[in-house]
Protein backbone atom coordinates (compact mmCIF):
# COMPACT_ATOMS: atom_id res chain seq x y z
CA UNK A 1 -85.09 35.55 18.36
CA UNK A 2 -81.85 35.48 20.35
CA UNK A 3 -78.94 33.37 19.14
CA UNK A 4 -78.04 30.32 21.22
CA UNK A 5 -74.40 31.43 21.46
CA UNK A 6 -72.64 34.68 20.56
CA UNK A 7 -69.16 36.15 20.44
CA UNK A 8 -69.38 39.92 20.05
CA UNK A 9 -66.35 42.11 19.19
CA UNK A 10 -63.84 40.14 21.24
CA UNK A 11 -60.05 40.37 21.09
CA UNK A 12 -58.52 36.99 21.92
CA UNK A 13 -55.18 37.62 23.62
CA UNK A 14 -52.52 35.27 24.97
CA UNK A 15 -49.27 36.34 26.62
CA UNK A 16 -50.01 39.98 25.84
CA UNK A 17 -50.26 39.23 22.10
CA UNK A 18 -53.56 39.63 20.24
CA UNK A 19 -54.13 36.42 18.29
CA UNK A 20 -57.57 37.25 16.82
CA UNK A 21 -58.89 40.82 16.77
CA UNK A 22 -62.46 42.12 17.04
CA UNK A 23 -64.04 38.71 16.38
CA UNK A 24 -67.81 38.29 16.11
CA UNK A 25 -69.82 35.21 15.23
CA UNK A 26 -72.92 33.45 16.46
CA UNK A 27 -74.57 30.02 16.62
CA UNK A 28 -78.20 30.45 15.82
CA UNK A 29 -79.83 27.44 17.44
CA UNK A 30 -79.13 24.65 19.89
CA UNK A 31 -77.57 21.59 18.29
CA UNK A 32 -75.74 23.44 15.51
CA UNK A 33 -72.12 22.49 14.85
CA UNK A 34 -69.64 25.08 13.62
CA UNK A 35 -66.02 24.63 12.63
CA UNK A 36 -63.15 27.09 12.87
CA UNK A 37 -60.35 26.67 10.36
CA UNK A 38 -56.96 28.32 10.22
CA UNK A 39 -53.22 27.63 10.16
CA UNK A 40 -51.32 26.52 13.25
CA UNK A 41 -50.63 29.23 15.80
CA UNK A 42 -53.40 31.53 14.54
CA UNK A 43 -55.28 31.50 17.87
CA UNK A 44 -57.94 28.82 17.46
CA UNK A 45 -57.15 27.12 20.79
CA UNK A 46 -57.02 30.53 22.50
CA UNK A 47 -60.60 31.15 21.33
CA UNK A 48 -61.77 27.86 22.84
CA UNK A 49 -59.97 28.52 26.14
CA UNK A 50 -61.62 31.94 26.46
CA UNK A 51 -65.07 30.51 25.67
CA UNK A 52 -64.51 27.82 28.30
CA UNK A 53 -63.54 30.48 30.86
CA UNK A 54 -59.90 29.42 31.20
CA UNK A 55 -58.73 32.90 30.30
CA UNK A 56 -60.35 36.30 30.57
CA UNK A 57 -61.26 38.76 27.83
CA UNK A 58 -60.81 42.54 28.06
CA UNK A 59 -63.38 43.70 25.54
CA UNK A 60 -66.59 42.52 23.91
CA UNK A 61 -68.88 39.76 25.18
CA UNK A 62 -69.32 36.01 25.09
CA UNK A 63 -72.94 34.92 25.64
CA UNK A 64 -74.59 31.51 25.98
CA UNK A 65 -78.38 31.07 26.07
CA UNK A 66 -78.77 34.84 26.55
CA UNK A 67 -76.43 34.95 29.56
CA UNK A 68 -73.15 36.87 29.54
CA UNK A 69 -70.30 34.49 30.36
CA UNK A 70 -67.39 36.84 29.69
CA UNK A 71 -66.88 40.57 29.27
CA UNK A 72 -64.59 43.26 30.68
CA UNK A 73 -66.72 43.17 33.84
CA UNK A 74 -68.02 39.57 33.98
CA UNK A 75 -66.15 36.27 34.09
CA UNK A 76 -68.23 33.22 35.03
CA UNK A 77 -65.98 30.48 36.43
CA UNK A 78 -65.39 27.50 34.07
CA UNK A 79 -67.15 25.03 36.38
CA UNK A 80 -70.32 27.16 36.26
CA UNK A 81 -70.59 27.45 32.47
CA UNK A 82 -71.66 23.88 31.57
CA UNK A 83 -69.14 23.99 28.73
CA UNK A 84 -66.92 21.00 27.99
CA UNK A 85 -63.53 21.44 26.32
CA UNK A 86 -61.65 18.45 24.85
CA UNK A 87 -58.05 19.40 24.17
CA UNK A 88 -55.99 18.08 21.28
CA UNK A 89 -53.36 16.67 23.62
CA UNK A 90 -53.95 13.83 26.06
CA UNK A 91 -55.90 15.26 29.02
CA UNK A 92 -56.70 11.97 30.76
CA UNK A 93 -55.91 11.39 34.44
CA UNK A 94 -52.98 8.94 34.47
CA UNK A 95 -54.02 7.12 37.69
CA UNK A 96 -57.52 6.27 36.40
CA UNK A 97 -58.46 3.64 33.84
CA UNK A 98 -59.89 4.82 30.54
CA UNK A 99 -63.37 3.81 31.69
CA UNK A 100 -63.04 5.77 34.94
CA UNK A 101 -61.77 8.80 33.00
CA UNK A 102 -64.79 8.66 30.70
CA UNK A 103 -67.26 8.25 33.55
CA UNK A 104 -65.98 11.49 35.11
CA UNK A 105 -67.93 13.20 32.32
CA UNK A 106 -71.17 11.53 33.43
CA UNK A 107 -70.58 12.62 37.04
CA UNK A 108 -70.07 16.22 35.93
CA UNK A 109 -73.62 16.66 34.65
CA UNK A 110 -75.65 13.72 35.90
CA UNK A 111 -78.79 15.83 36.43
CA UNK A 112 -79.14 16.78 32.74
CA UNK A 113 -82.17 14.72 31.70
CA UNK A 114 -82.60 16.39 28.32
CA UNK A 115 -79.51 14.84 26.70
CA UNK A 116 -79.65 11.13 27.44
CA UNK A 117 -76.63 9.10 26.35
CA UNK A 118 -75.09 5.93 27.75
CA UNK A 119 -71.50 4.85 28.22
CA UNK A 120 -72.08 1.95 25.83
CA UNK A 121 -73.34 4.27 23.06
CA UNK A 122 -70.25 6.45 23.40
CA UNK A 123 -67.87 3.49 23.56
CA UNK A 124 -69.45 1.92 20.47
CA UNK A 125 -69.41 5.24 18.62
CA UNK A 126 -65.69 5.71 19.16
CA UNK A 127 -64.69 2.01 18.99
CA UNK A 128 -62.81 2.00 22.31
CA UNK A 129 -64.30 -0.98 24.18
CA UNK A 130 -60.93 -2.79 24.01
CA UNK A 131 -59.12 -0.09 26.03
CA UNK A 132 -61.62 0.57 28.85
CA UNK A 133 -59.57 -1.30 31.47
CA UNK A 134 -56.23 0.14 30.41
CA UNK A 135 -54.46 3.23 31.73
CA UNK A 136 -53.59 6.29 29.63
CA UNK A 137 -49.89 5.35 29.35
CA UNK A 138 -50.88 1.99 27.84
CA UNK A 139 -52.86 3.36 24.87
CA UNK A 140 -52.00 5.23 21.66
CA UNK A 141 -52.38 8.97 21.12
CA UNK A 142 -55.38 8.36 18.86
CA UNK A 143 -57.07 6.14 21.46
CA UNK A 144 -56.42 8.74 24.17
CA UNK A 145 -57.96 11.41 21.98
CA UNK A 146 -61.08 9.30 21.45
CA UNK A 147 -61.32 8.62 25.20
CA UNK A 148 -61.15 12.37 25.92
CA UNK A 149 -63.87 12.94 23.33
CA UNK A 150 -66.00 10.24 24.99
CA UNK A 151 -65.67 11.96 28.36
CA UNK A 152 -66.72 15.29 26.88
CA UNK A 153 -69.76 13.80 25.14
CA UNK A 154 -70.86 11.99 28.28
CA UNK A 155 -70.82 15.25 30.26
CA UNK A 156 -73.81 16.45 28.16
CA UNK A 157 -72.74 20.11 28.05
CA UNK A 158 -74.69 23.09 26.75
CA UNK A 159 -71.68 23.80 24.56
CA UNK A 160 -69.01 21.31 23.49
CA UNK A 161 -65.60 22.62 22.40
CA UNK A 162 -63.37 20.23 20.44
CA UNK A 163 -59.75 21.12 19.68
CA UNK A 164 -58.57 19.04 16.68
CA UNK A 165 -60.67 16.11 17.99
CA UNK A 166 -59.58 13.53 15.42
CA UNK A 167 -56.08 14.71 14.50
CA UNK A 168 -54.41 11.62 15.99
CA UNK A 169 -57.02 9.14 14.76
CA UNK A 170 -56.05 6.75 11.96
CA UNK A 171 -57.63 7.55 8.60
CA UNK A 172 -59.25 4.10 8.61
CA UNK A 173 -61.27 5.13 11.70
CA UNK A 174 -61.64 8.84 11.03
CA UNK A 175 -64.40 8.94 8.42
CA UNK A 176 -66.50 6.37 10.29
CA UNK A 177 -66.16 8.33 13.54
CA UNK A 178 -66.98 11.61 11.78
CA UNK A 179 -70.21 10.12 10.44
CA UNK A 180 -71.25 8.66 13.80
CA UNK A 181 -70.20 11.78 15.71
CA UNK A 182 -72.33 13.98 13.43
CA UNK A 183 -75.37 11.76 14.04
CA UNK A 184 -74.75 11.71 17.81
CA UNK A 185 -74.40 15.50 18.10
CA UNK A 186 -77.58 15.95 16.05
CA UNK A 187 -79.53 13.38 18.07
CA UNK A 188 -78.53 14.90 21.41
CA UNK A 189 -78.66 18.51 20.18
CA UNK A 190 -75.20 19.20 21.60
CA UNK A 191 -74.10 22.59 20.27
CA UNK A 192 -70.47 22.24 19.23
CA UNK A 193 -67.51 24.35 18.14
CA UNK A 194 -64.79 22.31 16.44
CA UNK A 195 -61.31 23.63 15.75
CA UNK A 196 -59.62 21.78 12.90
CA UNK A 197 -56.99 22.22 10.20
CA UNK A 198 -58.80 19.69 8.00
CA UNK A 199 -61.14 21.54 5.61
CA UNK A 200 -62.87 18.34 4.49
CA UNK A 201 -63.68 17.53 8.12
CA UNK A 202 -64.97 21.07 8.65
CA UNK A 203 -67.11 20.98 5.49
CA UNK A 204 -68.65 17.66 6.54
CA UNK A 205 -69.29 18.34 10.23
CA UNK A 206 -70.06 22.05 10.28
CA UNK A 207 -73.29 23.84 9.46
CA UNK A 208 -71.08 26.95 9.38
CA UNK A 209 -67.33 27.35 8.87
CA UNK A 210 -65.16 30.21 10.02
CA UNK A 211 -61.80 30.93 8.35
CA UNK A 212 -59.27 32.69 10.61
CA UNK A 213 -56.28 34.32 8.90
CA UNK A 214 -53.96 37.19 9.79
CA UNK A 215 -55.57 37.85 13.19
CA UNK A 216 -59.09 38.11 11.76
CA UNK A 217 -62.17 36.02 11.09
CA UNK A 218 -62.11 36.40 7.30
CA UNK A 219 -65.25 34.46 6.37
CA UNK A 220 -68.06 32.84 8.37
CA UNK A 221 -70.53 31.06 6.15
CA UNK A 222 -72.00 27.70 5.25
CA UNK A 223 -69.41 25.22 3.89
CA UNK A 224 -70.68 25.41 0.29
CA UNK A 225 -70.13 29.17 0.15
CA UNK A 226 -66.74 29.00 1.85
CA UNK A 227 -65.57 26.53 -0.80
CA UNK A 228 -67.32 27.79 -3.94
CA UNK A 229 -67.70 31.48 -3.06
CA UNK A 230 -64.59 32.47 -1.05
CA UNK A 231 -64.71 36.17 -0.22
CA UNK A 232 -61.00 37.01 -0.49
CA UNK A 233 -57.75 35.94 -2.10
CA UNK A 234 -56.51 35.06 1.40
CA UNK A 235 -59.27 32.45 1.80
CA UNK A 236 -58.58 31.09 -1.71
CA UNK A 237 -54.89 30.67 -0.90
CA UNK A 238 -55.59 29.08 2.47
CA UNK A 239 -58.02 26.48 1.08
CA UNK A 240 -55.59 25.77 -1.80
CA UNK A 241 -58.35 24.33 -4.00
CA UNK A 242 -57.69 26.18 -7.23
CA UNK A 243 -55.73 28.84 -9.08
CA UNK A 244 -56.29 32.52 -9.86
CA UNK A 245 -55.80 33.38 -13.53
CA UNK A 246 -55.77 36.81 -15.19
CA UNK A 247 -58.86 37.72 -17.23
CA UNK A 248 -60.69 40.72 -18.68
CA UNK A 249 -64.43 41.32 -18.20
CA UNK A 250 -66.08 41.37 -21.64
CA UNK A 251 -69.81 41.40 -20.76
CA UNK A 252 -72.11 41.12 -17.72
CA UNK A 253 -71.79 37.33 -18.07
CA UNK A 254 -68.41 36.67 -19.64
CA UNK A 255 -64.71 37.30 -19.47
CA UNK A 256 -61.68 36.47 -21.58
CA UNK A 257 -58.41 34.77 -20.73
CA UNK A 258 -55.62 35.01 -23.29
CA UNK A 259 -55.00 31.24 -23.30
CA UNK A 260 -58.34 29.67 -22.29
CA UNK A 261 -60.48 32.00 -24.38
CA UNK A 262 -64.02 33.07 -23.52
CA UNK A 263 -65.41 31.95 -20.17
CA UNK A 264 -69.10 32.48 -19.41
CA UNK A 265 -71.08 32.32 -16.16
CA UNK A 266 -72.63 34.40 -13.41
CA UNK A 267 -70.42 36.91 -11.65
CA UNK A 268 -70.55 36.63 -7.86
CA UNK A 269 -69.46 40.27 -7.71
CA UNK A 270 -70.05 42.72 -10.56
CA UNK A 271 -67.13 44.42 -12.32
CA UNK A 272 -67.18 47.12 -15.02
CA UNK A 273 -66.64 46.11 -18.65
CA UNK A 274 -62.96 46.01 -19.49
CA UNK A 275 -61.87 45.45 -15.89
CA UNK A 276 -58.79 43.32 -15.34
CA UNK A 277 -59.55 40.66 -12.72
CA UNK A 278 -58.23 37.44 -11.26
CA UNK A 279 -60.62 34.54 -11.87
CA UNK A 280 -60.73 31.54 -9.53
CA UNK A 281 -60.49 28.23 -11.41
CA UNK A 282 -61.23 25.19 -9.22
CA UNK A 283 -60.60 21.55 -10.24
CA UNK A 284 -64.32 20.93 -10.92
CA UNK A 285 -64.70 23.96 -13.22
CA UNK A 286 -63.11 22.62 -16.41
CA UNK A 287 -64.19 19.54 -18.39
CA UNK A 288 -61.99 17.00 -20.15
CA UNK A 289 -62.47 16.66 -23.92
CA UNK A 290 -59.90 14.85 -26.08
CA UNK A 291 -61.36 16.37 -29.25
CA UNK A 292 -61.01 19.98 -28.09
CA UNK A 293 -58.77 22.42 -29.92
CA UNK A 294 -57.54 23.64 -26.51
CA UNK A 295 -54.78 21.18 -25.57
CA UNK A 296 -52.61 21.71 -22.49
CA UNK A 297 -49.60 19.77 -21.22
CA UNK A 298 -49.99 17.40 -18.26
CA UNK A 299 -47.31 18.10 -15.64
CA UNK A 300 -48.78 16.06 -12.76
CA UNK A 301 -51.49 13.46 -12.13
CA UNK A 302 -52.74 12.56 -8.66
CA UNK A 303 -54.88 9.46 -8.23
CA UNK A 304 -57.42 9.88 -5.40
CA UNK A 305 -59.33 6.60 -5.75
CA UNK A 306 -62.61 7.96 -7.09
CA UNK A 307 -60.92 10.61 -9.22
CA UNK A 308 -57.76 12.02 -10.73
CA UNK A 309 -56.55 15.58 -10.30
CA UNK A 310 -54.53 16.56 -13.37
CA UNK A 311 -52.28 19.60 -13.25
CA UNK A 312 -52.05 21.26 -16.66
CA UNK A 313 -49.50 23.84 -17.78
CA UNK A 314 -50.32 26.61 -20.22
CA UNK A 315 -47.78 28.23 -22.56
CA UNK A 316 -47.46 31.07 -20.04
CA UNK A 317 -46.76 28.57 -17.26
CA UNK A 318 -50.09 28.80 -15.46
CA UNK A 319 -50.69 25.55 -13.54
CA UNK A 320 -54.39 24.64 -13.71
CA UNK A 321 -55.94 21.76 -11.74
CA UNK A 322 -58.66 19.67 -13.43
CA UNK A 323 -60.85 17.01 -11.79
CA UNK A 324 -61.64 13.83 -13.77
CA UNK A 325 -63.52 10.73 -12.57
CA UNK A 326 -61.19 7.75 -12.27
CA UNK A 327 -63.24 5.68 -14.74
CA UNK A 328 -62.67 8.05 -17.64
CA UNK A 329 -61.58 6.08 -20.70
CA UNK A 330 -58.41 7.85 -21.77
CA UNK A 331 -55.97 8.49 -18.95
CA UNK A 332 -53.13 10.88 -19.67
CA UNK A 333 -49.51 10.60 -18.62
CA UNK A 334 -47.18 13.43 -17.70
CA UNK A 335 -46.03 15.41 -20.79
CA UNK A 336 -49.06 14.26 -22.81
CA UNK A 337 -51.65 16.72 -24.10
CA UNK A 338 -55.00 17.06 -22.34
CA UNK A 339 -58.05 18.62 -24.01
CA UNK A 340 -60.29 21.18 -22.28
CA UNK A 341 -63.93 21.37 -23.43
CA UNK A 342 -64.91 24.68 -25.06
CA UNK A 343 -66.68 26.97 -24.74
CA UNK A 344 -65.87 27.09 -21.04
CA UNK A 345 -68.81 27.76 -18.74
CA UNK A 346 -68.39 28.18 -14.97
CA UNK A 347 -71.58 28.59 -12.92
CA UNK A 348 -70.06 30.99 -10.37
CA UNK A 349 -67.46 33.44 -11.66
CA UNK A 350 -65.47 34.28 -8.53
CA UNK A 351 -63.19 37.21 -9.31
CA UNK A 352 -60.97 39.58 -7.37
């Protein structure tokens, strides 16, 4: 079976500089949502512009529904691709009201009977009924971003491209809109590529996540694997969700750290006995236990509402994050001792 959308061995270039080299990824079926993550300036917007047809590619292919859109020989014009791109910045027409701007999306693809959606549904989804009669200069950046998103959704494209779609939206609105947007895209089967710097947003919205670092697509996988089974130290460092500690492999299911002791689990990648490795410790991997004989110093405590993230310092100055539910009985202050349950067992031993 052919994939719904494919990028095959493409270099994404802007201003003569290759931003992402030899990139390949696919979207298996219509209605899937994928997210591309990476630091600013890495080339994420360049990828979207090339997919939309706003800039040409010199090698490889971009295909949608089995049809080549871009290659070294083919370049279908943007207006003939049925792809909608919502930019991060305000792309509304200043002389039209917000409502008129949004309705331009409906005019673009009014004959698409498969994806039925009304203006009211979109307006309710994005909570923008109060700005419909205003002009772009009269609304906030977050409201303008939501209006641009509304226009893109109403155009009912074969492929929707969203460039940091909620970056200017207040946190109080963001999670609600994410939830409703996910349901809307699923209901209408609008295949979507979202560029974001927010990993939590990517993990929630995407059926697949791609991590772009150092001019390459480093990992393209489902969100669970990207988080729990990162395939390189570069991805670990980018996600910034844990620490790498030195350890020695002592058996097919255990290793030893000088300060934490024996750690058991299942190796994601096999190493020979005696190998020196770096083990990924994520905040969820260690358990709090006041009675443990392994006591580490608290150097920081972050309250996140539903949980605390403690940062613990070992005698060799390793800084280890530990997740604890906010209702745990004994909270610890900075400079206090914090017990780690032993023996330590981590389901997935991710080592490099």
